[in-house]
PDB file of N, CA and C in Angstrom:
ATOM      1  N   UNK A   1       0.828  -1.195   0.000  1.00  0.00           N
ATOM      2  CA  UNK A   1       0.000   0.000   0.000  1.00  0.00           C
ATOM      3  C   UNK A   1       0.870   1.257   0.000  1.00  0.00           C
ATOM      4  N   UNK A   2       1.935   1.224   0.802  1.00  0.00           N
ATOM      5  CA  UNK A   2       2.849   2.363   0.869  1.00  0.00           C
ATOM      6  C   UNK A   2       3.511   2.580  -0.505  1.00  0.00           C
ATOM      7  N   UNK A   3       3.852   1.466  -1.173  1.00  0.00           N
ATOM      8  CA  UNK A   3       4.480   1.532  -2.488  1.00  0.00           C
ATOM      9  C   UNK A   3       3.550   2.202  -3.502  1.00  0.00           C
ATOM     10  N   UNK A   4       2.255   1.917  -3.434  1.00  0.00           N
ATOM     11  CA  UNK A   4       1.277   2.509  -4.356  1.00  0.00           C
ATOM     12  C   UNK A   4       1.219   4.023  -4.169  1.00  0.00           C
ATOM     13  N   UNK A   5       1.307   4.497  -2.941  1.00  0.00           N
ATOM     14  CA  UNK A   5       1.296   5.940  -2.660  1.00  0.00           C
ATOM     15  C   UNK A   5       2.528   6.621  -3.229  1.00  0.00           C
ATOM     16  N   UNK A   6       3.685   5.980  -3.040  1.00  0.00           N
ATOM     17  CA  UNK A   6       4.937   6.532  -3.578  1.00  0.00           C
ATOM     18  C   UNK A   6       4.879   6.556  -5.101  1.00  0.00           C
ATOM     19  N   UNK A   7       4.366   5.499  -5.676  1.00  0.00           N
ATOM     20  CA  UNK A   7       4.246   5.421  -7.130  1.00  0.00           C
ATOM     21  C   UNK A   7       3.308   6.514  -7.660  1.00  0.00           C
ATOM     22  N   UNK A   8       2.228   6.787  -6.966  1.00  0.00           N
ATOM     23  CA  UNK A   8       1.273   7.817  -7.384  1.00  0.00           C
ATOM     24  C   UNK A   8       1.919   9.201  -7.343  1.00  0.00           C
ATOM     25  N   UNK A   9       2.692   9.479  -6.299  1.00  0.00           N
ATOM     26  CA  UNK A   9       3.388  10.765  -6.188  1.00  0.00           C
ATOM     27  C   UNK A   9       4.412  10.905  -7.311  1.00  0.00           C
ATOM     28  N   UNK A  10       5.163   9.837  -7.568  1.00  0.00           N
ATOM     29  CA  UNK A  10       6.154   9.851  -8.642  1.00  0.00           C
ATOM     30  C   UNK A  10       5.490  10.104  -9.994  1.00  0.00           C
ATOM     31  N   UNK A  11       4.378   9.451 -10.249  1.00  0.00           N
ATOM     32  CA  UNK A  11       3.659   9.626 -11.515  1.00  0.00           C
ATOM     33  C   UNK A  11       3.172  11.069 -11.660  1.00  0.00           C
ATOM     34  N   UNK A  12       2.663  11.646 -10.590  1.00  0.00           N
ATOM     35  CA  UNK A  12       2.189  13.030 -10.627  1.00  0.00           C
ATOM     36  C   UNK A  12       3.333  13.993 -10.928  1.00  0.00           C
ATOM     37  N   UNK A  13       4.486  13.743 -10.328  1.00  0.00           N
ATOM     38  CA  UNK A  13       5.655  14.579 -10.597  1.00  0.00           C
ATOM     39  C   UNK A  13       6.097  14.476 -12.051  1.00  0.00           C
ATOM     40  N   UNK A  14       6.100  13.268 -12.591  1.00  0.00           N
ATOM     41  CA  UNK A  14       6.518  13.071 -13.971  1.00  0.00           C
ATOM     42  C   UNK A  14       5.557  13.752 -14.946  1.00  0.00           C
ATOM     43  N   UNK A  15       4.285  13.743 -14.650  1.00  0.00           N
ATOM     44  CA  UNK A  15       3.304  14.375 -15.526  1.00  0.00           C
ATOM     45  C   UNK A  15       3.391  15.892 -15.485  1.00  0.00           C
ATOM     46  N   UNK A  16       3.870  16.447 -14.382  1.00  0.00           N
ATOM     47  CA  UNK A  16       3.931  17.899 -14.261  1.00  0.00           C
ATOM     48  C   UNK A  16       5.279  18.472 -14.666  1.00  0.00           C
ATOM     49  N   UNK A  17       6.257  17.644 -14.977  1.00  0.00           N
ATOM     50  CA  UNK A  17       7.596  18.135 -15.291  1.00  0.00           C
ATOM     51  C   UNK A  17       7.614  19.060 -16.504  1.00  0.00           C
ATOM     52  N   UNK A  18       6.748  18.842 -17.488  1.00  0.00           N
ATOM     53  CA  UNK A  18       6.709  19.703 -18.666  1.00  0.00           C
ATOM     54  C   UNK A  18       6.394  21.139 -18.315  1.00  0.00           C
ATOM     55  N   UNK A  19       5.456  21.376 -17.418  1.00  0.00           N
ATOM     56  CA  UNK A  19       5.121  22.742 -17.048  1.00  0.00           C
ATOM     57  C   UNK A  19       6.203  23.362 -16.177  1.00  0.00           C
ATOM     58  N   UNK A  20       6.926  22.550 -15.423  1.00  0.00           N
ATOM     59  CA  UNK A  20       8.021  23.066 -14.603  1.00  0.00           C
ATOM     60  C   UNK A  20       9.155  23.532 -15.498  1.00  0.00           C
ATOM     61  N   UNK A  21       9.396  22.829 -16.609  1.00  0.00           N
ATOM     62  CA  UNK A  21      10.500  23.151 -17.498  1.00  0.00           C
ATOM     63  C   UNK A  21      10.138  24.219 -18.525  1.00  0.00           C
ATOM     64  N   UNK A  22       8.889  24.603 -18.607  1.00  0.00           N
ATOM     65  CA  UNK A  22       8.471  25.594 -19.600  1.00  0.00           C
ATOM     66  C   UNK A  22       9.070  26.954 -19.281  1.00  0.00           C
ATOM     67  N   UNK A  23       9.360  27.706 -20.326  1.00  0.00           N
ATOM     68  CA  UNK A  23       9.878  29.058 -20.149  1.00  0.00           C
ATOM     69  C   UNK A  23       8.713  29.948 -19.767  1.00  0.00           C
ATOM     70  N   UNK A  24       8.868  30.745 -18.709  1.00  0.00           N
ATOM     71  CA  UNK A  24       7.764  31.608 -18.300  1.00  0.00           C
ATOM     72  C   UNK A  24       7.471  32.669 -19.353  1.00  0.00           C
ATOM     73  N   UNK A  25       6.206  33.015 -19.474  1.00  0.00           N
ATOM     74  CA  UNK A  25       5.802  34.038 -20.432  1.00  0.00           C
ATOM     75  C   UNK A  25       6.407  35.371 -20.034  1.00  0.00           C
ATOM     76  N   UNK A  26       6.882  36.097 -20.993  1.00  0.00           N
ATOM     77  CA  UNK A  26       7.477  37.398 -20.727  1.00  0.00           C
ATOM     78  C   UNK A  26       7.616  38.189 -22.003  1.00  0.00           C
ATOM     79  N   UNK A  27       8.514  39.161 -21.971  1.00  0.00           N
ATOM     80  CA  UNK A  27       8.743  40.009 -23.133  1.00  0.00           C
ATOM     81  C   UNK A  27      10.069  39.637 -23.784  1.00  0.00           C
ATOM     82  N   UNK A  28      10.066  39.640 -25.110  1.00  0.00           N
ATOM     83  CA  UNK A  28      11.293  39.408 -25.867  1.00  0.00           C
ATOM     84  C   UNK A  28      11.436  40.542 -26.866  1.00  0.00           C
ATOM     85  N   UNK A  29      12.658  41.051 -27.006  1.00  0.00           N
ATOM     86  CA  UNK A  29      12.919  42.129 -27.955  1.00  0.00           C
ATOM     87  C   UNK A  29      13.688  41.606 -29.150  1.00  0.00           C
ATOM     88  N   UNK A  30      13.349  42.149 -30.319  1.00  0.00           N
ATOM     89  CA  UNK A  30      13.989  41.779 -31.564  1.00  0.00           C
ATOM     90  C   UNK A  30      14.403  43.055 -32.298  1.00  0.00           C
ATOM     91  N   UNK A  31      15.613  43.076 -32.831  1.00  0.00           N
ATOM     92  CA  UNK A  31      16.070  44.208 -33.629  1.00  0.00           C
ATOM     93  C   UNK A  31      15.389  44.151 -34.988  1.00  0.00           C
ATOM     94  N   UNK A  32      14.982  45.309 -35.486  1.00  0.00           N
ATOM     95  CA  UNK A  32      14.331  45.388 -36.797  1.00  0.00           C
ATOM     96  C   UNK A  32      14.703  46.720 -37.443  1.00  0.00           C
ATOM     97  N   UNK A  33      14.766  46.760 -38.763  1.00  0.00           N
ATOM     98  CA  UNK A  33      15.151  48.000 -39.461  1.00  0.00           C
ATOM     99  C   UNK A  33      14.272  49.205 -39.121  1.00  0.00           C
ATOM    100  N   UNK A  34      12.996  49.006 -38.885  1.00  0.00           N
ATOM    101  CA  UNK A  34      12.074  50.116 -38.601  1.00  0.00           C
ATOM    102  C   UNK A  34      11.893  50.372 -37.114  1.00  0.00           C
ATOM    103  N   UNK A  35      12.772  49.833 -36.282  1.00  0.00           N
ATOM    104  CA  UNK A  35      12.685  50.001 -34.838  1.00  0.00           C
ATOM    105  C   UNK A  35      12.459  48.668 -34.170  1.00  0.00           C
ATOM    106  N   UNK A  36      12.976  48.529 -32.951  1.00  0.00           N
ATOM    107  CA  UNK A  36      12.887  47.236 -32.264  1.00  0.00           C
ATOM    108  C   UNK A  36      11.438  46.812 -32.052  1.00  0.00           C
ATOM    109  N   UNK A  37      11.244  45.520 -32.044  1.00  0.00           N
ATOM    110  CA  UNK A  37       9.929  44.925 -31.833  1.00  0.00           C
ATOM    111  C   UNK A  37       9.976  44.175 -30.507  1.00  0.00           C
ATOM    112  N   UNK A  38       9.014  44.441 -29.652  1.00  0.00           N
ATOM    113  CA  UNK A  38       8.904  43.733 -28.379  1.00  0.00           C
ATOM    114  C   UNK A  38       7.688  42.827 -28.444  1.00  0.00           C
ATOM    115  N   UNK A  39       7.938  41.522 -28.287  1.00  0.00           N
ATOM    116  CA  UNK A  39       6.832  40.556 -28.229  1.00  0.00           C
ATOM    117  C   UNK A  39       6.504  40.335 -26.765  1.00  0.00           C
ATOM    118  N   UNK A  40       5.270  40.570 -26.389  1.00  0.00           N
ATOM    119  CA  UNK A  40       4.825  40.383 -25.009  1.00  0.00           C
ATOM    120  C   UNK A  40       3.884  39.173 -24.958  1.00  0.00           C
ATOM    121  N   UNK A  41       4.392  38.076 -24.411  1.00  0.00           N
ATOM    122  CA  UNK A  41       3.605  36.845 -24.342  1.00  0.00           C
ATOM    123  C   UNK A  41       2.353  37.024 -23.492  1.00  0.00           C
ATOM    124  N   UNK A  42       2.429  37.848 -22.453  1.00  0.00           N
ATOM    125  CA  UNK A  42       1.277  38.056 -21.573  1.00  0.00           C
ATOM    126  C   UNK A  42       0.124  38.725 -22.328  1.00  0.00           C
ATOM    127  N   UNK A  43       0.445  39.698 -23.168  1.00  0.00           N
ATOM    128  CA  UNK A  43      -0.595  40.376 -23.956  1.00  0.00           C
ATOM    129  C   UNK A  43      -1.319  39.359 -24.833  1.00  0.00           C
ATOM    130  N   UNK A  44      -0.557  38.473 -25.465  1.00  0.00           N
ATOM    131  CA  UNK A  44      -1.158  37.459 -26.323  1.00  0.00           C
ATOM    132  C   UNK A  44      -1.945  36.433 -25.502  1.00  0.00           C
ATOM    133  N   UNK A  45      -1.417  36.039 -24.361  1.00  0.00           N
ATOM    134  CA  UNK A  45      -2.116  35.083 -23.495  1.00  0.00           C
ATOM    135  C   UNK A  45      -3.425  35.678 -22.978  1.00  0.00           C
ATOM    136  N   UNK A  46      -3.401  36.971 -22.652  1.00  0.00           N
ATOM    137  CA  UNK A  46      -4.619  37.642 -22.177  1.00  0.00           C
ATOM    138  C   UNK A  46      -5.706  37.677 -23.251  1.00  0.00           C
ATOM    139  N   UNK A  47      -5.312  37.572 -24.511  1.00  0.00           N
ATOM    140  CA  UNK A  47      -6.272  37.534 -25.622  1.00  0.00           C
ATOM    141  C   UNK A  47      -6.709  36.105 -25.937  1.00  0.00           C
ATOM    142  N   UNK A  48      -6.176  35.126 -25.170  1.00  0.00           N
ATOM    143  CA  UNK A  48      -6.596  33.738 -25.345  1.00  0.00           C
ATOM    144  C   UNK A  48      -5.606  32.855 -26.088  1.00  0.00           C
ATOM    145  N   UNK A  49      -4.478  33.405 -26.507  1.00  0.00           N
ATOM    146  CA  UNK A  49      -3.486  32.609 -27.234  1.00  0.00           C
ATOM    147  C   UNK A  49      -2.711  31.705 -26.277  1.00  0.00           C
ATOM    148  N   UNK A  50      -2.390  30.531 -26.744  1.00  0.00           N
ATOM    149  CA  UNK A  50      -1.585  29.558 -25.999  1.00  0.00           C
ATOM    150  C   UNK A  50      -0.259  29.396 -26.731  1.00  0.00           C
ATOM    151  N   UNK A  51       0.783  29.007 -26.031  1.00  0.00           N
ATOM    152  CA  UNK A  51       2.106  28.813 -26.640  1.00  0.00           C
ATOM    153  C   UNK A  51       2.021  27.888 -27.855  1.00  0.00           C
ATOM    154  N   UNK A  52       1.259  26.812 -27.720  1.00  0.00           N
ATOM    155  CA  UNK A  52       1.149  25.813 -28.787  1.00  0.00           C
ATOM    156  C   UNK A  52       0.486  26.381 -30.041  1.00  0.00           C
ATOM    157  N   UNK A  53      -0.285  27.458 -29.915  1.00  0.00           N
ATOM    158  CA  UNK A  53      -0.934  28.054 -31.084  1.00  0.00           C
ATOM    159  C   UNK A  53       0.084  28.525 -32.119  1.00  0.00           C
ATOM    160  N   UNK A  54       1.254  28.933 -31.662  1.00  0.00           N
ATOM    161  CA  UNK A  54       2.284  29.442 -32.574  1.00  0.00           C
ATOM    162  C   UNK A  54       3.509  28.541 -32.666  1.00  0.00           C
ATOM    163  N   UNK A  55       3.732  27.742 -31.630  1.00  0.00           N
ATOM    164  CA  UNK A  55       4.944  26.926 -31.598  1.00  0.00           C
ATOM    165  C   UNK A  55       4.709  25.457 -31.940  1.00  0.00           C
ATOM    166  N   UNK A  56       3.450  25.044 -32.094  1.00  0.00           N
ATOM    167  CA  UNK A  56       3.177  23.637 -32.386  1.00  0.00           C
ATOM    168  C   UNK A  56       2.200  23.469 -33.534  1.00  0.00           C
ATOM    169  N   UNK A  57       0.993  23.961 -33.377  1.00  0.00           N
ATOM    170  CA  UNK A  57      -0.076  23.728 -34.362  1.00  0.00           C
ATOM    171  C   UNK A  57      -0.697  25.038 -34.810  1.00  0.00           C
ATOM    172  N   UNK A  58      -0.395  25.611 -35.918  1.00  0.00           N
ATOM    173  CA  UNK A  58       0.707  25.254 -36.812  1.00  0.00           C
ATOM    174  C   UNK A  58       2.014  25.785 -36.251  1.00  0.00           C
ATOM    175  N   UNK A  59       3.104  25.250 -36.676  1.00  0.00           N
ATOM    176  CA  UNK A  59       4.396  25.692 -36.157  1.00  0.00           C
ATOM    177  C   UNK A  59       4.834  26.938 -36.920  1.00  0.00           C
ATOM    178  N   UNK A  60       4.490  28.096 -36.369  1.00  0.00           N
ATOM    179  CA  UNK A  60       4.825  29.369 -36.997  1.00  0.00           C
ATOM    180  C   UNK A  60       6.219  29.840 -36.596  1.00  0.00           C
ATOM    181  N   UNK A  61       6.619  29.488 -35.375  1.00  0.00           N
ATOM    182  CA  UNK A  61       7.902  29.943 -34.825  1.00  0.00           C
ATOM    183  C   UNK A  61       8.649  28.786 -34.182  1.00  0.00           C
ATOM    184  N   UNK A  62       9.971  28.840 -34.256  1.00  0.00           N
ATOM    185  CA  UNK A  62      10.816  27.909 -33.502  1.00  0.00           C
ATOM    186  C   UNK A  62      10.756  28.306 -32.036  1.00  0.00           C
ATOM    187  N   UNK A  63      11.123  27.417 -31.147  1.00  0.00           N
ATOM    188  CA  UNK A  63      11.080  27.710 -29.716  1.00  0.00           C
ATOM    189  C   UNK A  63      12.272  28.558 -29.253  1.00  0.00           C
ATOM    190  N   UNK A  64      13.361  28.558 -30.006  1.00  0.00           N
ATOM    191  CA  UNK A  64      14.550  29.298 -29.595  1.00  0.00           C
ATOM    192  C   UNK A  64      14.611  30.644 -30.316  1.00  0.00           C
ATOM    193  N   UNK A  65      14.772  31.714 -29.533  1.00  0.00           N
ATOM    194  CA  UNK A  65      14.874  33.055 -30.097  1.00  0.00           C
ATOM    195  C   UNK A  65      16.059  33.116 -31.065  1.00  0.00           C
ATOM    196  N   UNK A  66      15.837  33.737 -32.211  1.00  0.00           N
ATOM    197  CA  UNK A  66      16.885  33.902 -33.200  1.00  0.00           C
ATOM    198  C   UNK A  66      16.945  32.816 -34.255  1.00  0.00           C
ATOM    199  N   UNK A  67      16.191  31.739 -34.079  1.00  0.00           N
ATOM    200  CA  UNK A  67      16.195  30.639 -35.053  1.00  0.00           C
ATOM    201  C   UNK A  67      15.419  30.998 -36.321  1.00  0.00           C
ATOM    202  N   UNK A  68      14.416  31.875 -36.187  1.00  0.00           N
ATOM    203  CA  UNK A  68      13.602  32.274 -37.335  1.00  0.00           C
ATOM    204  C   UNK A  68      14.145  33.560 -37.937  1.00  0.00           C
ATOM    205  N   UNK A  69      14.164  33.639 -39.230  1.00  0.00           N
ATOM    206  CA  UNK A  69      14.544  34.863 -39.944  1.00  0.00           C
ATOM    207  C   UNK A  69      13.252  35.510 -40.426  1.00  0.00           C
ATOM    208  N   UNK A  70      12.701  36.368 -39.593  1.00  0.00           N
ATOM    209  CA  UNK A  70      11.393  36.964 -39.845  1.00  0.00           C
ATOM    210  C   UNK A  70      11.557  38.231 -40.675  1.00  0.00           C
ATOM    211  N   UNK A  71      10.781  38.322 -41.756  1.00  0.00           N
ATOM    212  CA  UNK A  71      10.783  39.525 -42.592  1.00  0.00           C
ATOM    213  C   UNK A  71       9.347  40.015 -42.769  1.00  0.00           C
ATOM    214  N   UNK A  72       9.220  41.293 -43.087  1.00  0.00           N
ATOM    215  CA  UNK A  72       7.889  41.839 -43.352  1.00  0.00           C
ATOM    216  C   UNK A  72       7.290  41.180 -44.592  1.00  0.00           C
ATOM    217  N   UNK A  73       8.118  40.853 -45.562  1.00  0.00           N
ATOM    218  CA  UNK A  73       7.631  40.164 -46.767  1.00  0.00           C
ATOM    219  C   UNK A  73       6.937  38.863 -46.377  1.00  0.00           C
ATOM    220  N   UNK A  74       7.587  38.079 -45.505  1.00  0.00           N
ATOM    221  CA  UNK A  74       6.986  36.820 -45.047  1.00  0.00           C
ATOM    222  C   UNK A  74       5.690  37.077 -44.284  1.00  0.00           C
ATOM    223  N   UNK A  75       5.709  38.074 -43.411  1.00  0.00           N
ATOM    224  CA  UNK A  75       4.492  38.356 -42.630  1.00  0.00           C
ATOM    225  C   UNK A  75       3.352  38.816 -43.538  1.00  0.00           C
ATOM    226  N   UNK A  76       3.674  39.606 -44.553  1.00  0.00           N
ATOM    227  CA  UNK A  76       2.645  40.051 -45.504  1.00  0.00           C
ATOM    228  C   UNK A  76       2.060  38.883 -46.286  1.00  0.00           C
ATOM    229  N   UNK A  77       2.815  37.784 -46.381  1.00  0.00           N
ATOM    230  CA  UNK A  77       2.333  36.572 -47.064  1.00  0.00           C
ATOM    231  C   UNK A  77       1.625  35.614 -46.103  1.00  0.00           C
ATOM    232  N   UNK A  78       1.389  36.058 -44.868  1.00  0.00           N
ATOM    233  CA  UNK A  78       0.662  35.240 -43.902  1.00  0.00           C
ATOM    234  C   UNK A  78       1.522  34.298 -43.081  1.00  0.00           C
ATOM    235  N   UNK A  79       2.816  34.510 -43.103  1.00  0.00           N
ATOM    236  CA  UNK A  79       3.713  33.681 -42.292  1.00  0.00           C
ATOM    237  C   UNK A  79       4.042  34.411 -40.996  1.00  0.00           C
ATOM    238  N   UNK A  80       4.594  33.687 -40.039  1.00  0.00           N
ATOM    239  CA  UNK A  80       4.987  34.247 -38.737  1.00  0.00           C
ATOM    240  C   UNK A  80       3.829  35.046 -38.139  1.00  0.00           C
ATOM    241  N   UNK A  81       4.064  36.273 -37.714  1.00  0.00           N
ATOM    242  CA  UNK A  81       3.025  37.096 -37.068  1.00  0.00           C
ATOM    243  C   UNK A  81       1.827  37.317 -37.996  1.00  0.00           C
ATOM    244  N   UNK A  82       2.104  37.360 -39.306  1.00  0.00           N
ATOM    245  CA  UNK A  82       1.055  37.612 -40.293  1.00  0.00           C
ATOM    246  C   UNK A  82      -0.013  36.533 -40.352  1.00  0.00           C
ATOM    247  N   UNK A  83       0.247  35.371 -39.750  1.00  0.00           N
ATOM    248  CA  UNK A  83      -0.765  34.312 -39.726  1.00  0.00           C
ATOM    249  C   UNK A  83      -2.001  34.753 -38.946  1.00  0.00           C
ATOM    250  N   UNK A  84      -1.800  35.504 -37.884  1.00  0.00           N
ATOM    251  CA  UNK A  84      -2.929  36.008 -37.082  1.00  0.00           C
ATOM    252  C   UNK A  84      -3.178  37.497 -37.325  1.00  0.00           C
ATOM    253  N   UNK A  85      -2.086  38.234 -37.526  1.00  0.00           N
ATOM    254  CA  UNK A  85      -2.214  39.675 -37.745  1.00  0.00           C
ATOM    255  C   UNK A  85      -2.516  39.922 -39.221  1.00  0.00           C
ATOM    256  N   UNK A  86      -3.755  39.549 -39.573  1.00  0.00           N
ATOM    257  CA  UNK A  86      -4.218  39.590 -40.965  1.00  0.00           C
ATOM    258  C   UNK A  86      -5.357  40.586 -41.186  1.00  0.00           C
ATOM    259  N   UNK A  87      -5.679  41.362 -40.155  1.00  0.00           N
ATOM    260  CA  UNK A  87      -6.782  42.314 -40.262  1.00  0.00           C
ATOM    261  C   UNK A  87      -8.126  41.725 -39.903  1.00  0.00           C
ATOM    262  N   UNK A  88      -8.172  40.416 -39.674  1.00  0.00           N
ATOM    263  CA  UNK A  88      -9.413  39.738 -39.269  1.00  0.00           C
ATOM    264  C   UNK A  88      -9.299  39.277 -37.825  1.00  0.00           C
ATOM    265  N   UNK A  89      -8.327  38.436 -37.572  1.00  0.00           N
ATOM    266  CA  UNK A  89      -8.133  37.906 -36.224  1.00  0.00           C
ATOM    267  C   UNK A  89      -7.482  38.956 -35.311  1.00  0.00           C
ATOM    268  N   UNK A  90      -6.553  39.720 -35.873  1.00  0.00           N
ATOM    269  CA  UNK A  90      -5.857  40.789 -35.147  1.00  0.00           C
ATOM    270  C   UNK A  90      -5.484  41.868 -36.157  1.00  0.00           C
ATOM    271  N   UNK A  91      -5.033  43.009 -35.673  1.00  0.00           N
ATOM    272  CA  UNK A  91      -4.676  44.086 -36.595  1.00  0.00           C
ATOM    273  C   UNK A  91      -3.690  43.576 -37.641  1.00  0.00           C
ATOM    274  N   UNK A  92      -3.731  44.185 -38.817  1.00  0.00           N
ATOM    275  CA  UNK A  92      -2.955  43.693 -39.952  1.00  0.00           C
ATOM    276  C   UNK A  92      -1.521  44.208 -39.959  1.00  0.00           C
ATOM    277  N   UNK A  93      -0.592  43.328 -40.310  1.00  0.00           N
ATOM    278  CA  UNK A  93       0.807  43.733 -40.474  1.00  0.00           C
ATOM    279  C   UNK A  93       0.980  44.562 -41.745  1.00  0.00           C
ATOM    280  N   UNK A  94      -0.036  44.602 -42.599  1.00  0.00           N
ATOM    281  CA  UNK A  94       0.046  45.327 -43.866  1.00  0.00           C
ATOM    282  C   UNK A  94      -0.355  46.794 -43.753  1.00  0.00           C
ATOM    283  N   UNK A  95      -1.019  47.168 -42.662  1.00  0.00           N
ATOM    284  CA  UNK A  95      -1.503  48.538 -42.500  1.00  0.00           C
ATOM    285  C   UNK A  95      -0.395  49.433 -41.962  1.00  0.00           C
ATOM    286  N   UNK A  96      -0.004  50.433 -42.744  1.00  0.00           N
ATOM    287  CA  UNK A  96       1.078  51.349 -42.343  1.00  0.00           C
ATOM    288  C   UNK A  96       0.784  52.037 -41.006  1.00  0.00           C
ATOM    289  N   UNK A  97      -0.452  52.336 -40.750  1.00  0.00           N
ATOM    290  CA  UNK A  97      -0.825  53.015 -39.503  1.00  0.00           C
ATOM    291  C   UNK A  97      -0.594  52.130 -38.281  1.00  0.00           C
ATOM    292  N   UNK A  98      -0.519  50.817 -38.484  1.00  0.00           N
ATOM    293  CA  UNK A  98      -0.323  49.889 -37.363  1.00  0.00           C
ATOM    294  C   UNK A  98       1.144  49.556 -37.093  1.00  0.00           C
ATOM    295  N   UNK A  99       2.060  50.047 -37.910  1.00  0.00           N
ATOM    296  CA  UNK A  99       3.484  49.727 -37.725  1.00  0.00           C
ATOM    297  C   UNK A  99       3.960  50.060 -36.310  1.00  0.00           C
ATOM    298  N   UNK A 100       3.515  51.193 -35.780  1.00  0.00           N
ATOM    299  CA  UNK A 100       3.965  51.650 -34.459  1.00  0.00           C
ATOM    300  C   UNK A 100       3.451  50.780 -33.313  1.00  0.00           C
ATOM    301  N   UNK A 101       2.503  49.899 -33.603  1.00  0.00           N
ATOM    302  CA  UNK A 101       2.024  48.968 -32.567  1.00  0.00           C
ATOM    303  C   UNK A 101       3.090  47.947 -32.215  1.00  0.00           C
ATOM    304  N   UNK A 102       4.010  47.693 -33.142  1.00  0.00           N
ATOM    305  CA  UNK A 102       5.088  46.725 -32.897  1.00  0.00           C
ATOM    306  C   UNK A 102       6.469  47.354 -32.929  1.00  0.00           C
ATOM    307  N   UNK A 103       6.695  48.258 -33.886  1.00  0.00           N
ATOM    308  CA  UNK A 103       8.019  48.853 -34.065  1.00  0.00           C
ATOM    309  C   UNK A 103       8.154  50.126 -33.246  1.00  0.00           C
ATOM    310  N   UNK A 104       9.185  50.154 -32.380  1.00  0.00           N
ATOM    311  CA  UNK A 104       9.470  51.326 -31.537  1.00  0.00           C
ATOM    312  C   UNK A 104      10.877  51.834 -31.854  1.00  0.00           C
ATOM    313  N   UNK A 105      10.984  53.092 -32.123  1.00  0.00           N
ATOM    314  CA  UNK A 105      12.301  53.687 -32.434  1.00  0.00           C
ATOM    315  C   UNK A 105      12.987  54.145 -31.167  1.00  0.00           C
TER     316      UNK A 105
END
Protein backbone atom coordinates (compact mmCIF):
# COMPACT_ATOMS: atom_id res chain seq x y z
CA UNK A 1 0.00 0.00 0.00
CA UNK A 2 2.85 2.36 0.87
CA UNK A 3 4.48 1.53 -2.49
CA UNK A 4 1.28 2.51 -4.36
CA UNK A 5 1.30 5.94 -2.66
CA UNK A 6 4.94 6.53 -3.58
CA UNK A 7 4.25 5.42 -7.13
CA UNK A 8 1.27 7.82 -7.38
CA UNK A 9 3.39 10.76 -6.19
CA UNK A 10 6.15 9.85 -8.64
CA UNK A 11 3.66 9.63 -11.51
CA UNK A 12 2.19 13.03 -10.63
CA UNK A 13 5.65 14.58 -10.60
CA UNK A 14 6.52 13.07 -13.97
CA UNK A 15 3.30 14.37 -15.53
CA UNK A 16 3.93 17.90 -14.26
CA UNK A 17 7.60 18.13 -15.29
CA UNK A 18 6.71 19.70 -18.67
CA UNK A 19 5.12 22.74 -17.05
CA UNK A 20 8.02 23.07 -14.60
CA UNK A 21 10.50 23.15 -17.50
CA UNK A 22 8.47 25.59 -19.60
CA UNK A 23 9.88 29.06 -20.15
CA UNK A 24 7.76 31.61 -18.30
CA UNK A 25 5.80 34.04 -20.43
CA UNK A 26 7.48 37.40 -20.73
CA UNK A 27 8.74 40.01 -23.13
CA UNK A 28 11.29 39.41 -25.87
CA UNK A 29 12.92 42.13 -27.95
CA UNK A 30 13.99 41.78 -31.56
CA UNK A 31 16.07 44.21 -33.63
CA UNK A 32 14.33 45.39 -36.80
CA UNK A 33 15.15 48.00 -39.46
CA UNK A 34 12.07 50.12 -38.60
CA UNK A 35 12.68 50.00 -34.84
CA UNK A 36 12.89 47.24 -32.26
CA UNK A 37 9.93 44.92 -31.83
CA UNK A 38 8.90 43.73 -28.38
CA UNK A 39 6.83 40.56 -28.23
CA UNK A 40 4.83 40.38 -25.01
CA UNK A 41 3.60 36.84 -24.34
CA UNK A 42 1.28 38.06 -21.57
CA UNK A 43 -0.60 40.38 -23.96
CA UNK A 44 -1.16 37.46 -26.32
CA UNK A 45 -2.12 35.08 -23.50
CA UNK A 46 -4.62 37.64 -22.18
CA UNK A 47 -6.27 37.53 -25.62
CA UNK A 48 -6.60 33.74 -25.34
CA UNK A 49 -3.49 32.61 -27.23
CA UNK A 50 -1.59 29.56 -26.00
CA UNK A 51 2.11 28.81 -26.64
CA UNK A 52 1.15 25.81 -28.79
CA UNK A 53 -0.93 28.05 -31.08
CA UNK A 54 2.28 29.44 -32.57
CA UNK A 55 4.94 26.93 -31.60
CA UNK A 56 3.18 23.64 -32.39
CA UNK A 57 -0.08 23.73 -34.36
CA UNK A 58 0.71 25.25 -36.81
CA UNK A 59 4.40 25.69 -36.16
CA UNK A 60 4.83 29.37 -37.00
CA UNK A 61 7.90 29.94 -34.83
CA UNK A 62 10.82 27.91 -33.50
CA UNK A 63 11.08 27.71 -29.72
CA UNK A 64 14.55 29.30 -29.60
CA UNK A 65 14.87 33.06 -30.10
CA UNK A 66 16.88 33.90 -33.20
CA UNK A 67 16.19 30.64 -35.05
CA UNK A 68 13.60 32.27 -37.33
CA UNK A 69 14.54 34.86 -39.94
CA UNK A 70 11.39 36.96 -39.84
CA UNK A 71 10.78 39.52 -42.59
CA UNK A 72 7.89 41.84 -43.35
CA UNK A 73 7.63 40.16 -46.77
CA UNK A 74 6.99 36.82 -45.05
CA UNK A 75 4.49 38.36 -42.63
CA UNK A 76 2.65 40.05 -45.50
CA UNK A 77 2.33 36.57 -47.06
CA UNK A 78 0.66 35.24 -43.90
CA UNK A 79 3.71 33.68 -42.29
CA UNK A 80 4.99 34.25 -38.74
CA UNK A 81 3.02 37.10 -37.07
CA UNK A 82 1.05 37.61 -40.29
CA UNK A 83 -0.77 34.31 -39.73
CA UNK A 84 -2.93 36.01 -37.08
CA UNK A 85 -2.21 39.68 -37.74
CA UNK A 86 -4.22 39.59 -40.96
CA UNK A 87 -6.78 42.31 -40.26
CA UNK A 88 -9.41 39.74 -39.27
CA UNK A 89 -8.13 37.91 -36.22
CA UNK A 90 -5.86 40.79 -35.15
CA UNK A 91 -4.68 44.09 -36.59
CA UNK A 92 -2.95 43.69 -39.95
CA UNK A 93 0.81 43.73 -40.47
CA UNK A 94 0.05 45.33 -43.87
CA UNK A 95 -1.50 48.54 -42.50
CA UNK A 96 1.08 51.35 -42.34
CA UNK A 97 -0.82 53.02 -39.50
CA UNK A 98 -0.32 49.89 -37.36
CA UNK A 99 3.48 49.73 -37.72
CA UNK A 100 3.96 51.65 -34.46
CA UNK A 101 2.02 48.97 -32.57
CA UNK A 102 5.09 46.72 -32.90
CA UNK A 103 8.02 48.85 -34.06
CA UNK A 104 9.47 51.33 -31.54
CA UNK A 105 12.30 53.69 -32.43
